[in-house]
Amino acid sequence: MKTAAKKKIGLVGRKVGMTQIFSDVGDRVPVTVLEAGPCLVVQKRVKMKDAYDAVQLAYGEVIRKKGLNKPQAGIFKKSGLPPHRVLREVRDMDPEAYEIGQALKADIFQVGERVWVRGLSKGKGFTGGVKRHGFRGGGASHGSMFHRSPGSIGAAAYPSRVFKGTRLPGRMGNQQVTVKGLTVVEIDAEKNLVLVKGAVPGPNGGQVLITAERE
């Protein structure tokens, strides 16, 4: 028997910061405070026409049309909504359950629900192998000439090249990271705040996408 496909719900928001709360039995729970929405439904994609189901959400302050490219400007013009700073698409979100212009807020999530949070990790700039990959490094005593160098990366005779994927110094961070299975601990619907247990990628104020699956 074929099971029904799960649908997603999602909101665009930002990371406010980390704090801690205490449970009913006095346990300390580290939480990340997320501002979830409010988001406006700008466009809906349906499987019959677009090959997949999705809902496009607008978030952030209203901006001038000058700051948009032509496809984004066309989306907002078709919906009749003012252009917003952020436009994100959430796949597998049921398009029939929402209307164009509908405002989605933090109360679409439930306490105890498991969510996925996606964001950009903090950029660390150009770093060495010790910091970037956790290399142990060489001896630190007097006379050592090998401290934080990556070591041998190949041979001259064979293969006479450096293999792809070799761990070397380079840019660290500023990559898309998704943390799965974070539990919603508390919701403040008036302030559009969602408190999730654990850490979330990115700096305070960084943009995040919060999603959850529903039957």
N, C-alpha and C. Protein backbone atom coordinates (compact mmCIF):
# COMPACT_ATOMS: atom_id res chain seq x y z
N MET A 1 0.84 -1.20 0.00
CA MET A 1 0.00 0.00 0.00
C MET A 1 0.87 1.24 0.00
N LYS A 2 0.61 2.13 -0.93
CA LYS A 2 1.42 3.33 -1.06
C LYS A 2 1.00 4.36 -0.03
N THR A 3 1.99 4.85 0.73
CA THR A 3 1.69 5.85 1.75
C THR A 3 1.64 7.24 1.13
N ALA A 4 0.82 8.10 1.73
CA ALA A 4 0.68 9.46 1.23
C ALA A 4 1.96 10.25 1.47
N ALA A 5 2.32 11.06 0.49
CA ALA A 5 3.54 11.86 0.61
C ALA A 5 3.36 12.92 1.68
N LYS A 6 4.42 13.14 2.44
CA LYS A 6 4.37 14.14 3.49
C LYS A 6 4.51 15.53 2.89
N LYS A 7 3.78 16.48 3.47
CA LYS A 7 3.86 17.87 3.04
C LYS A 7 4.66 18.67 4.05
N LYS A 8 5.32 19.69 3.56
CA LYS A 8 6.11 20.55 4.43
C LYS A 8 5.39 21.84 4.76
N ILE A 9 5.77 22.42 5.88
CA ILE A 9 5.41 23.79 6.18
C ILE A 9 6.73 24.53 6.40
N GLY A 10 6.76 25.81 6.13
CA GLY A 10 8.02 26.52 6.27
C GLY A 10 7.83 28.02 6.40
N LEU A 11 8.82 28.66 7.01
CA LEU A 11 8.85 30.10 7.16
C LEU A 11 10.28 30.60 7.00
N VAL A 12 10.42 31.78 6.46
CA VAL A 12 11.71 32.45 6.41
C VAL A 12 11.81 33.34 7.64
N GLY A 13 12.99 33.41 8.22
CA GLY A 13 13.17 34.24 9.40
C GLY A 13 14.62 34.61 9.60
N ARG A 14 14.94 34.94 10.82
CA ARG A 14 16.32 35.31 11.15
C ARG A 14 16.67 34.80 12.53
N LYS A 15 17.95 34.60 12.76
CA LYS A 15 18.44 34.15 14.06
C LYS A 15 18.60 35.36 14.97
N VAL A 16 17.92 35.32 16.11
CA VAL A 16 18.00 36.43 17.07
C VAL A 16 19.19 36.23 18.00
N GLY A 17 19.38 35.01 18.50
CA GLY A 17 20.48 34.72 19.41
C GLY A 17 20.18 33.51 20.26
N MET A 18 21.10 33.19 21.17
CA MET A 18 20.93 32.03 22.04
C MET A 18 20.68 32.48 23.48
N THR A 19 19.94 31.65 24.21
CA THR A 19 19.69 31.88 25.62
C THR A 19 19.41 30.53 26.26
N GLN A 20 18.85 30.54 27.44
CA GLN A 20 18.51 29.29 28.12
C GLN A 20 17.19 29.45 28.86
N ILE A 21 16.45 28.38 28.94
CA ILE A 21 15.22 28.35 29.71
C ILE A 21 15.28 27.14 30.63
N PHE A 22 14.35 27.07 31.56
CA PHE A 22 14.32 25.97 32.51
C PHE A 22 13.02 25.20 32.36
N SER A 23 13.13 23.89 32.33
CA SER A 23 11.96 23.03 32.18
C SER A 23 11.16 22.98 33.48
N ASP A 24 10.04 22.25 33.46
CA ASP A 24 9.18 22.15 34.64
C ASP A 24 9.88 21.45 35.80
N VAL A 25 10.86 20.60 35.48
CA VAL A 25 11.56 19.86 36.54
C VAL A 25 12.87 20.55 36.92
N GLY A 26 13.13 21.73 36.33
CA GLY A 26 14.31 22.50 36.70
C GLY A 26 15.53 22.26 35.86
N ASP A 27 15.41 21.50 34.78
CA ASP A 27 16.56 21.25 33.90
C ASP A 27 16.82 22.48 33.02
N ARG A 28 18.09 22.80 32.85
CA ARG A 28 18.46 23.92 31.98
C ARG A 28 18.47 23.46 30.53
N VAL A 29 17.78 24.20 29.66
CA VAL A 29 17.67 23.85 28.25
C VAL A 29 18.25 24.99 27.41
N PRO A 30 19.36 24.74 26.69
CA PRO A 30 19.89 25.78 25.79
C PRO A 30 19.01 25.90 24.55
N VAL A 31 18.61 27.11 24.20
CA VAL A 31 17.71 27.33 23.07
C VAL A 31 18.23 28.45 22.19
N THR A 32 17.85 28.38 20.91
CA THR A 32 18.11 29.46 19.97
C THR A 32 16.79 30.15 19.66
N VAL A 33 16.80 31.47 19.77
CA VAL A 33 15.59 32.26 19.49
C VAL A 33 15.59 32.64 18.01
N LEU A 34 14.51 32.26 17.31
CA LEU A 34 14.37 32.55 15.88
C LEU A 34 13.15 33.42 15.66
N GLU A 35 13.31 34.45 14.86
CA GLU A 35 12.17 35.24 14.41
C GLU A 35 11.63 34.57 13.15
N ALA A 36 10.45 33.98 13.24
CA ALA A 36 9.86 33.23 12.13
C ALA A 36 8.73 34.04 11.52
N GLY A 37 8.99 34.64 10.36
CA GLY A 37 7.97 35.43 9.70
C GLY A 37 7.82 36.81 10.33
N PRO A 38 6.69 37.49 10.02
CA PRO A 38 5.62 37.03 9.14
C PRO A 38 6.05 37.00 7.67
N CYS A 39 5.53 36.01 6.95
CA CYS A 39 5.83 35.84 5.53
C CYS A 39 4.55 35.92 4.73
N LEU A 40 4.63 36.48 3.54
CA LEU A 40 3.49 36.57 2.64
C LEU A 40 3.64 35.56 1.51
N VAL A 41 2.54 34.88 1.19
CA VAL A 41 2.53 33.95 0.07
C VAL A 41 2.48 34.76 -1.22
N VAL A 42 3.53 34.63 -2.04
CA VAL A 42 3.66 35.44 -3.25
C VAL A 42 3.29 34.65 -4.50
N GLN A 43 3.70 33.38 -4.52
CA GLN A 43 3.43 32.56 -5.70
C GLN A 43 3.31 31.09 -5.30
N LYS A 44 2.48 30.35 -6.04
CA LYS A 44 2.31 28.92 -5.80
C LYS A 44 2.69 28.14 -7.05
N ARG A 45 3.39 27.04 -6.84
CA ARG A 45 3.74 26.15 -7.94
C ARG A 45 3.03 24.82 -7.73
N VAL A 46 2.40 24.30 -8.79
CA VAL A 46 1.65 23.05 -8.70
C VAL A 46 2.30 22.00 -9.60
N LYS A 47 2.14 20.76 -9.20
CA LYS A 47 2.83 19.66 -9.87
C LYS A 47 2.39 19.51 -11.33
N MET A 48 1.11 19.72 -11.62
CA MET A 48 0.60 19.54 -12.98
C MET A 48 1.24 20.52 -13.96
N LYS A 49 1.55 21.71 -13.48
CA LYS A 49 2.08 22.76 -14.35
C LYS A 49 3.59 22.91 -14.25
N ASP A 50 4.12 22.83 -13.03
CA ASP A 50 5.54 23.13 -12.80
C ASP A 50 6.38 21.91 -12.44
N ALA A 51 5.77 20.71 -12.41
CA ALA A 51 6.46 19.44 -12.13
C ALA A 51 6.77 19.24 -10.65
N TYR A 52 6.43 20.19 -9.81
CA TYR A 52 6.62 20.02 -8.37
C TYR A 52 5.73 21.02 -7.63
N ASP A 53 5.44 20.70 -6.37
CA ASP A 53 4.65 21.58 -5.52
C ASP A 53 5.57 22.46 -4.70
N ALA A 54 5.23 23.73 -4.60
CA ALA A 54 6.04 24.66 -3.81
C ALA A 54 5.24 25.93 -3.55
N VAL A 55 5.69 26.67 -2.55
CA VAL A 55 5.11 27.97 -2.23
C VAL A 55 6.26 28.96 -2.06
N GLN A 56 6.14 30.12 -2.71
CA GLN A 56 7.15 31.16 -2.58
C GLN A 56 6.72 32.17 -1.54
N LEU A 57 7.64 32.49 -0.63
CA LEU A 57 7.35 33.37 0.50
C LEU A 57 8.20 34.63 0.43
N ALA A 58 7.59 35.76 0.79
CA ALA A 58 8.29 37.04 0.88
C ALA A 58 8.47 37.38 2.34
N TYR A 59 9.67 37.88 2.68
CA TYR A 59 9.99 38.19 4.07
C TYR A 59 10.86 39.45 4.12
N GLY A 60 10.77 40.17 5.23
CA GLY A 60 11.61 41.34 5.41
C GLY A 60 10.89 42.62 5.07
N GLU A 61 11.67 43.71 5.04
CA GLU A 61 11.06 45.01 4.81
C GLU A 61 10.74 45.19 3.33
N VAL A 62 9.80 46.10 3.07
CA VAL A 62 9.41 46.43 1.71
C VAL A 62 10.52 47.29 1.09
N ILE A 63 10.89 46.97 -0.14
CA ILE A 63 11.95 47.70 -0.83
C ILE A 63 11.42 48.29 -2.14
N ARG A 64 12.24 49.11 -2.77
CA ARG A 64 11.87 49.66 -4.06
C ARG A 64 12.09 48.62 -5.17
N LYS A 65 11.36 48.74 -6.24
CA LYS A 65 11.48 47.80 -7.35
C LYS A 65 12.86 47.87 -7.99
N LYS A 66 13.56 48.98 -7.76
CA LYS A 66 14.88 49.15 -8.34
C LYS A 66 15.85 48.08 -7.85
N GLY A 67 15.59 47.54 -6.64
CA GLY A 67 16.50 46.56 -6.07
C GLY A 67 16.21 45.13 -6.50
N LEU A 68 15.30 44.92 -7.45
CA LEU A 68 14.94 43.57 -7.90
C LEU A 68 15.44 43.33 -9.31
N ASN A 69 15.67 42.05 -9.62
CA ASN A 69 15.92 41.70 -11.01
C ASN A 69 14.58 41.47 -11.70
N LYS A 70 14.59 41.24 -13.00
CA LYS A 70 13.34 41.17 -13.76
C LYS A 70 12.44 39.99 -13.34
N PRO A 71 12.99 38.77 -13.12
CA PRO A 71 12.11 37.69 -12.68
C PRO A 71 11.44 37.97 -11.34
N GLN A 72 12.20 38.51 -10.38
CA GLN A 72 11.62 38.83 -9.08
C GLN A 72 10.55 39.92 -9.20
N ALA A 73 10.84 40.94 -9.99
CA ALA A 73 9.86 42.01 -10.19
C ALA A 73 8.58 41.48 -10.81
N GLY A 74 8.72 40.53 -11.75
CA GLY A 74 7.54 39.94 -12.39
C GLY A 74 6.70 39.14 -11.41
N ILE A 75 7.34 38.44 -10.48
CA ILE A 75 6.61 37.64 -9.48
C ILE A 75 5.77 38.55 -8.58
N PHE A 76 6.38 39.63 -8.10
CA PHE A 76 5.65 40.54 -7.23
C PHE A 76 4.55 41.29 -7.99
N LYS A 77 4.83 41.65 -9.25
CA LYS A 77 3.82 42.35 -10.05
C LYS A 77 2.61 41.48 -10.30
N LYS A 78 2.84 40.19 -10.57
CA LYS A 78 1.73 39.26 -10.82
C LYS A 78 0.89 39.04 -9.58
N SER A 79 1.54 39.01 -8.42
CA SER A 79 0.81 38.77 -7.18
C SER A 79 0.09 40.01 -6.67
N GLY A 80 0.53 41.19 -7.14
CA GLY A 80 -0.07 42.43 -6.66
C GLY A 80 0.43 42.86 -5.30
N LEU A 81 1.53 42.26 -4.83
CA LEU A 81 2.09 42.57 -3.52
C LEU A 81 3.32 43.45 -3.67
N PRO A 82 3.61 44.28 -2.67
CA PRO A 82 4.83 45.12 -2.75
C PRO A 82 6.08 44.25 -2.65
N PRO A 83 7.16 44.64 -3.30
CA PRO A 83 8.40 43.84 -3.25
C PRO A 83 9.02 43.85 -1.86
N HIS A 84 9.50 42.69 -1.44
CA HIS A 84 10.14 42.54 -0.14
C HIS A 84 11.62 42.21 -0.32
N ARG A 85 12.35 42.35 0.77
CA ARG A 85 13.79 42.14 0.75
C ARG A 85 14.15 40.70 0.39
N VAL A 86 13.42 39.72 0.93
CA VAL A 86 13.76 38.30 0.77
C VAL A 86 12.62 37.58 0.06
N LEU A 87 12.98 36.73 -0.88
CA LEU A 87 12.02 35.87 -1.59
C LEU A 87 12.59 34.46 -1.61
N ARG A 88 11.90 33.54 -0.94
CA ARG A 88 12.39 32.17 -0.83
C ARG A 88 11.27 31.20 -1.21
N GLU A 89 11.67 30.05 -1.75
CA GLU A 89 10.71 29.02 -2.16
C GLU A 89 10.86 27.80 -1.25
N VAL A 90 9.72 27.28 -0.78
CA VAL A 90 9.71 26.09 0.06
C VAL A 90 9.07 24.96 -0.74
N ARG A 91 9.86 23.96 -1.10
CA ARG A 91 9.36 22.84 -1.89
C ARG A 91 8.51 21.91 -1.03
N ASP A 92 7.60 21.19 -1.71
CA ASP A 92 6.70 20.21 -1.09
C ASP A 92 5.76 20.85 -0.08
N MET A 93 5.58 22.14 -0.16
CA MET A 93 4.58 22.84 0.65
C MET A 93 3.28 22.84 -0.13
N ASP A 94 2.18 22.45 0.49
CA ASP A 94 0.91 22.26 -0.20
C ASP A 94 0.38 23.58 -0.74
N PRO A 95 0.37 23.78 -2.06
CA PRO A 95 -0.09 25.07 -2.60
C PRO A 95 -1.59 25.29 -2.45
N GLU A 96 -2.37 24.20 -2.34
CA GLU A 96 -3.81 24.34 -2.22
C GLU A 96 -4.25 24.82 -0.84
N ALA A 97 -3.34 24.74 0.13
CA ALA A 97 -3.70 25.12 1.50
C ALA A 97 -3.51 26.61 1.76
N TYR A 98 -2.96 27.35 0.78
CA TYR A 98 -2.65 28.75 1.01
C TYR A 98 -3.17 29.60 -0.14
N GLU A 99 -3.39 30.89 0.14
CA GLU A 99 -3.84 31.84 -0.85
C GLU A 99 -2.79 32.92 -1.06
N ILE A 100 -2.76 33.49 -2.28
CA ILE A 100 -1.82 34.57 -2.57
C ILE A 100 -2.14 35.76 -1.65
N GLY A 101 -1.09 36.27 -1.02
CA GLY A 101 -1.27 37.39 -0.10
C GLY A 101 -1.50 36.99 1.34
N GLN A 102 -1.66 35.68 1.58
CA GLN A 102 -1.89 35.21 2.95
C GLN A 102 -0.63 35.38 3.79
N ALA A 103 -0.80 35.84 5.02
CA ALA A 103 0.32 36.04 5.94
C ALA A 103 0.49 34.81 6.80
N LEU A 104 1.70 34.26 6.82
CA LEU A 104 2.02 33.09 7.64
C LEU A 104 2.90 33.54 8.79
N LYS A 105 2.54 33.13 10.01
CA LYS A 105 3.26 33.56 11.20
C LYS A 105 3.80 32.36 11.95
N ALA A 106 4.45 32.63 13.07
CA ALA A 106 5.14 31.59 13.83
C ALA A 106 4.20 30.53 14.38
N ASP A 107 2.91 30.85 14.50
CA ASP A 107 1.97 29.88 15.09
C ASP A 107 1.62 28.72 14.16
N ILE A 108 2.22 28.68 12.95
CA ILE A 108 1.98 27.49 12.11
C ILE A 108 2.77 26.30 12.65
N PHE A 109 3.78 26.58 13.48
CA PHE A 109 4.53 25.50 14.13
C PHE A 109 3.87 25.15 15.47
N GLN A 110 4.25 24.00 16.01
CA GLN A 110 3.69 23.53 17.27
C GLN A 110 4.80 23.19 18.25
N VAL A 111 4.54 23.41 19.53
CA VAL A 111 5.51 23.06 20.56
C VAL A 111 5.70 21.54 20.56
N GLY A 112 6.95 21.11 20.60
CA GLY A 112 7.27 19.69 20.54
C GLY A 112 7.54 19.18 19.15
N GLU A 113 7.27 19.99 18.14
CA GLU A 113 7.48 19.59 16.75
C GLU A 113 8.97 19.63 16.40
N ARG A 114 9.39 18.72 15.51
CA ARG A 114 10.78 18.68 15.03
C ARG A 114 10.89 19.50 13.76
N VAL A 115 11.87 20.38 13.72
CA VAL A 115 12.04 21.26 12.56
C VAL A 115 13.47 21.16 12.02
N TRP A 116 13.60 21.54 10.75
CA TRP A 116 14.92 21.68 10.12
C TRP A 116 15.19 23.17 9.99
N VAL A 117 16.41 23.59 10.32
CA VAL A 117 16.80 25.00 10.20
C VAL A 117 18.01 25.08 9.28
N ARG A 118 17.87 25.89 8.24
CA ARG A 118 18.94 26.03 7.24
C ARG A 118 19.43 27.47 7.23
N GLY A 119 20.74 27.64 7.22
CA GLY A 119 21.32 28.97 7.18
C GLY A 119 22.76 28.92 6.71
N LEU A 120 23.36 30.10 6.56
CA LEU A 120 24.77 30.19 6.17
C LEU A 120 25.64 30.22 7.42
N SER A 121 26.65 29.35 7.45
CA SER A 121 27.55 29.33 8.59
C SER A 121 28.42 30.57 8.61
N LYS A 122 29.00 30.86 9.75
CA LYS A 122 29.86 32.04 9.89
C LYS A 122 31.10 31.90 9.02
N GLY A 123 31.43 32.95 8.29
CA GLY A 123 32.63 32.94 7.47
C GLY A 123 33.87 33.21 8.32
N LYS A 124 34.88 32.37 8.19
CA LYS A 124 36.12 32.52 8.95
C LYS A 124 37.27 33.07 8.11
N GLY A 125 37.03 33.27 6.82
CA GLY A 125 38.11 33.75 5.97
C GLY A 125 39.08 32.64 5.60
N PHE A 126 40.26 33.02 5.13
CA PHE A 126 41.28 32.05 4.73
C PHE A 126 41.96 31.51 5.99
N THR A 127 41.91 30.20 6.19
CA THR A 127 42.49 29.58 7.38
C THR A 127 43.41 28.43 6.99
N GLY A 128 44.26 28.03 7.91
CA GLY A 128 45.20 26.94 7.68
C GLY A 128 44.57 25.59 7.95
N GLY A 129 45.36 24.54 7.73
CA GLY A 129 44.84 23.19 7.88
C GLY A 129 44.50 22.82 9.31
N VAL A 130 45.22 23.39 10.29
CA VAL A 130 44.95 23.07 11.70
C VAL A 130 43.56 23.54 12.10
N LYS A 131 43.21 24.76 11.73
CA LYS A 131 41.91 25.31 12.09
C LYS A 131 40.80 24.78 11.19
N ARG A 132 41.10 24.65 9.91
CA ARG A 132 40.07 24.27 8.94
C ARG A 132 39.70 22.80 9.01
N HIS A 133 40.69 21.93 9.20
CA HIS A 133 40.44 20.49 9.16
C HIS A 133 40.76 19.78 10.47
N GLY A 134 41.27 20.51 11.45
CA GLY A 134 41.57 19.88 12.73
C GLY A 134 42.86 19.09 12.74
N PHE A 135 43.82 19.44 11.88
CA PHE A 135 45.11 18.75 11.89
C PHE A 135 45.80 18.95 13.26
N ARG A 136 46.55 17.96 13.67
CA ARG A 136 47.23 18.03 14.96
C ARG A 136 48.40 19.00 14.93
N GLY A 137 49.06 19.09 13.79
CA GLY A 137 50.23 19.94 13.70
C GLY A 137 51.49 19.22 14.18
N GLY A 138 52.62 19.86 14.01
CA GLY A 138 53.89 19.26 14.40
C GLY A 138 54.31 19.67 15.80
N GLY A 139 55.55 19.32 16.13
CA GLY A 139 56.07 19.64 17.44
C GLY A 139 56.23 21.13 17.64
N ALA A 140 56.04 21.58 18.88
CA ALA A 140 56.14 23.01 19.19
C ALA A 140 57.43 23.33 19.92
N SER A 141 58.30 22.33 20.15
CA SER A 141 59.51 22.56 20.93
C SER A 141 60.59 23.26 20.10
N HIS A 142 61.64 23.70 20.80
CA HIS A 142 62.74 24.39 20.14
C HIS A 142 63.45 23.45 19.15
N GLY A 143 63.68 23.95 17.96
CA GLY A 143 64.36 23.17 16.94
C GLY A 143 63.42 22.55 15.92
N SER A 144 62.11 22.48 16.25
CA SER A 144 61.15 21.92 15.30
C SER A 144 60.94 22.88 14.13
N MET A 145 60.90 22.35 12.94
CA MET A 145 60.67 23.19 11.76
C MET A 145 59.33 22.83 11.11
N PHE A 146 58.51 22.14 11.87
CA PHE A 146 57.20 21.73 11.33
C PHE A 146 56.16 21.98 12.42
N HIS A 147 55.47 23.11 12.33
CA HIS A 147 54.51 23.50 13.38
C HIS A 147 53.06 23.34 12.92
N ARG A 148 52.64 24.19 12.00
CA ARG A 148 51.23 24.18 11.56
C ARG A 148 51.11 23.95 10.05
N SER A 149 52.15 23.41 9.44
CA SER A 149 52.12 23.14 8.00
C SER A 149 51.27 21.91 7.71
N PRO A 150 50.69 21.82 6.51
CA PRO A 150 49.84 20.65 6.20
C PRO A 150 50.63 19.37 5.99
N GLY A 151 51.94 19.43 5.77
CA GLY A 151 52.72 18.22 5.53
C GLY A 151 52.74 17.84 4.06
N SER A 152 53.12 16.60 3.78
CA SER A 152 53.24 16.15 2.40
C SER A 152 51.87 16.05 1.74
N ILE A 153 51.77 16.54 0.51
CA ILE A 153 50.50 16.47 -0.23
C ILE A 153 50.64 15.64 -1.50
N GLY A 154 51.77 14.98 -1.68
CA GLY A 154 51.96 14.15 -2.87
C GLY A 154 53.42 13.85 -3.07
N ALA A 155 53.74 13.16 -4.14
CA ALA A 155 55.12 12.78 -4.46
C ALA A 155 55.52 13.36 -5.81
N ALA A 156 56.82 13.51 -6.02
CA ALA A 156 57.30 14.12 -7.26
C ALA A 156 57.27 13.13 -8.43
N ALA A 157 57.68 11.87 -8.17
CA ALA A 157 57.75 10.89 -9.26
C ALA A 157 56.35 10.39 -9.64
N TYR A 158 55.61 9.95 -8.66
CA TYR A 158 54.24 9.46 -8.92
C TYR A 158 53.38 9.80 -7.71
N PRO A 159 52.23 10.37 -7.87
CA PRO A 159 51.50 10.62 -9.12
C PRO A 159 51.84 11.94 -9.79
N SER A 160 52.79 12.69 -9.25
CA SER A 160 53.22 13.96 -9.84
C SER A 160 52.09 14.99 -9.91
N ARG A 161 51.16 14.88 -9.01
CA ARG A 161 50.08 15.86 -8.96
C ARG A 161 49.42 15.76 -7.58
N VAL A 162 48.58 16.71 -7.28
CA VAL A 162 47.83 16.71 -6.02
C VAL A 162 46.42 16.22 -6.32
N PHE A 163 45.98 15.20 -5.60
CA PHE A 163 44.65 14.63 -5.83
C PHE A 163 43.55 15.62 -5.46
N LYS A 164 42.44 15.56 -6.19
CA LYS A 164 41.29 16.39 -5.86
C LYS A 164 40.75 15.99 -4.48
N GLY A 165 40.34 16.98 -3.72
CA GLY A 165 39.80 16.71 -2.39
C GLY A 165 40.84 16.68 -1.29
N THR A 166 42.12 16.86 -1.64
CA THR A 166 43.15 16.90 -0.62
C THR A 166 42.89 18.06 0.34
N ARG A 167 42.95 17.79 1.63
CA ARG A 167 42.64 18.82 2.63
C ARG A 167 43.81 19.80 2.75
N LEU A 168 43.54 21.02 2.37
CA LEU A 168 44.57 22.05 2.32
C LEU A 168 44.02 23.34 2.95
N PRO A 169 44.87 24.32 3.20
CA PRO A 169 44.37 25.62 3.65
C PRO A 169 43.43 26.22 2.62
N GLY A 170 42.51 27.04 3.06
CA GLY A 170 41.56 27.67 2.15
C GLY A 170 40.47 28.40 2.92
N ARG A 171 39.46 28.83 2.20
CA ARG A 171 38.37 29.58 2.82
C ARG A 171 37.52 28.66 3.69
N MET A 172 37.20 29.11 4.88
CA MET A 172 36.45 28.30 5.83
C MET A 172 35.13 28.99 6.16
N GLY A 173 34.06 28.20 6.23
CA GLY A 173 32.75 28.74 6.60
C GLY A 173 32.03 29.36 5.42
N ASN A 174 30.97 30.14 5.74
CA ASN A 174 30.14 30.80 4.73
C ASN A 174 29.55 29.78 3.76
N GLN A 175 29.10 28.65 4.31
CA GLN A 175 28.48 27.60 3.51
C GLN A 175 27.09 27.30 4.06
N GLN A 176 26.23 26.82 3.19
CA GLN A 176 24.88 26.48 3.62
C GLN A 176 24.90 25.24 4.50
N VAL A 177 24.32 25.34 5.67
CA VAL A 177 24.29 24.25 6.64
C VAL A 177 22.85 24.03 7.08
N THR A 178 22.45 22.77 7.15
CA THR A 178 21.11 22.43 7.62
C THR A 178 21.23 21.58 8.88
N VAL A 179 20.57 22.03 9.94
CA VAL A 179 20.52 21.27 11.19
C VAL A 179 19.15 20.62 11.28
N LYS A 180 19.12 19.29 11.41
CA LYS A 180 17.87 18.55 11.36
C LYS A 180 17.41 18.15 12.76
N GLY A 181 16.11 18.05 12.91
CA GLY A 181 15.53 17.47 14.12
C GLY A 181 15.61 18.33 15.36
N LEU A 182 15.59 19.66 15.22
CA LEU A 182 15.58 20.53 16.39
C LEU A 182 14.16 20.61 16.94
N THR A 183 14.02 20.47 18.24
CA THR A 183 12.71 20.45 18.88
C THR A 183 12.25 21.87 19.21
N VAL A 184 11.00 22.19 18.84
CA VAL A 184 10.41 23.48 19.20
C VAL A 184 10.03 23.43 20.68
N VAL A 185 10.64 24.31 21.47
CA VAL A 185 10.43 24.33 22.91
C VAL A 185 9.34 25.32 23.30
N GLU A 186 9.30 26.45 22.63
CA GLU A 186 8.33 27.49 23.01
C GLU A 186 8.04 28.35 21.79
N ILE A 187 6.82 28.92 21.74
CA ILE A 187 6.39 29.79 20.64
C ILE A 187 5.75 31.04 21.22
N ASP A 188 6.19 32.21 20.76
CA ASP A 188 5.56 33.48 21.11
C ASP A 188 4.92 34.03 19.85
N ALA A 189 3.62 33.77 19.70
CA ALA A 189 2.94 34.12 18.45
C ALA A 189 2.85 35.63 18.26
N GLU A 190 2.74 36.41 19.34
CA GLU A 190 2.60 37.85 19.22
C GLU A 190 3.88 38.49 18.67
N LYS A 191 5.03 37.97 19.09
CA LYS A 191 6.31 38.52 18.64
C LYS A 191 6.92 37.71 17.50
N ASN A 192 6.21 36.67 17.03
CA ASN A 192 6.71 35.81 15.96
C ASN A 192 8.06 35.19 16.30
N LEU A 193 8.17 34.67 17.50
CA LEU A 193 9.40 34.04 17.95
C LEU A 193 9.19 32.54 18.15
N VAL A 194 10.18 31.78 17.70
CA VAL A 194 10.19 30.33 17.90
C VAL A 194 11.49 29.98 18.61
N LEU A 195 11.38 29.26 19.72
CA LEU A 195 12.55 28.83 20.47
C LEU A 195 12.78 27.35 20.20
N VAL A 196 13.96 27.03 19.68
CA VAL A 196 14.29 25.64 19.37
C VAL A 196 15.46 25.20 20.24
N LYS A 197 15.45 23.93 20.62
CA LYS A 197 16.51 23.40 21.47
C LYS A 197 17.77 23.16 20.65
N GLY A 198 18.89 23.73 21.10
CA GLY A 198 20.15 23.51 20.41
C GLY A 198 20.61 24.72 19.63
N ALA A 199 21.67 24.53 18.85
CA ALA A 199 22.32 25.61 18.11
C ALA A 199 21.87 25.62 16.66
N VAL A 200 21.97 26.80 16.06
CA VAL A 200 21.54 27.03 14.68
C VAL A 200 22.70 27.69 13.94
N PRO A 201 22.96 27.32 12.68
CA PRO A 201 24.08 27.92 11.94
C PRO A 201 23.90 29.41 11.70
N GLY A 202 25.03 30.11 11.61
CA GLY A 202 25.01 31.51 11.23
C GLY A 202 25.15 32.46 12.39
N PRO A 203 25.43 33.72 12.09
CA PRO A 203 25.55 34.75 13.13
C PRO A 203 24.19 35.26 13.56
N ASN A 204 24.16 36.01 14.65
CA ASN A 204 22.93 36.67 15.07
C ASN A 204 22.49 37.65 13.98
N GLY A 205 21.23 37.59 13.63
CA GLY A 205 20.71 38.42 12.55
C GLY A 205 20.77 37.75 11.19
N GLY A 206 21.40 36.57 11.11
CA GLY A 206 21.50 35.85 9.85
C GLY A 206 20.17 35.25 9.42
N GLN A 207 19.96 35.19 8.12
CA GLN A 207 18.71 34.65 7.58
C GLN A 207 18.67 33.13 7.69
N VAL A 208 17.52 32.59 8.06
CA VAL A 208 17.34 31.15 8.18
C VAL A 208 16.03 30.74 7.52
N LEU A 209 15.96 29.47 7.16
CA LEU A 209 14.73 28.87 6.64
C LEU A 209 14.33 27.74 7.57
N ILE A 210 13.12 27.82 8.14
CA ILE A 210 12.64 26.84 9.11
C ILE A 210 11.55 26.01 8.43
N THR A 211 11.71 24.69 8.42
CA THR A 211 10.72 23.81 7.80
C THR A 211 10.41 22.64 8.72
N ALA A 212 9.24 22.06 8.49
CA ALA A 212 8.82 20.86 9.23
C ALA A 212 7.92 20.05 8.32
N GLU A 213 7.87 18.73 8.59
CA GLU A 213 7.03 17.84 7.79
C GLU A 213 5.74 17.53 8.52
N ARG A 214 4.65 17.47 7.76
CA ARG A 214 3.34 17.15 8.30
C ARG A 214 2.73 16.00 7.50
N GLU A 215 1.93 15.19 8.18
CA GLU A 215 1.27 14.07 7.49
C GLU A 215 0.19 14.62 6.55
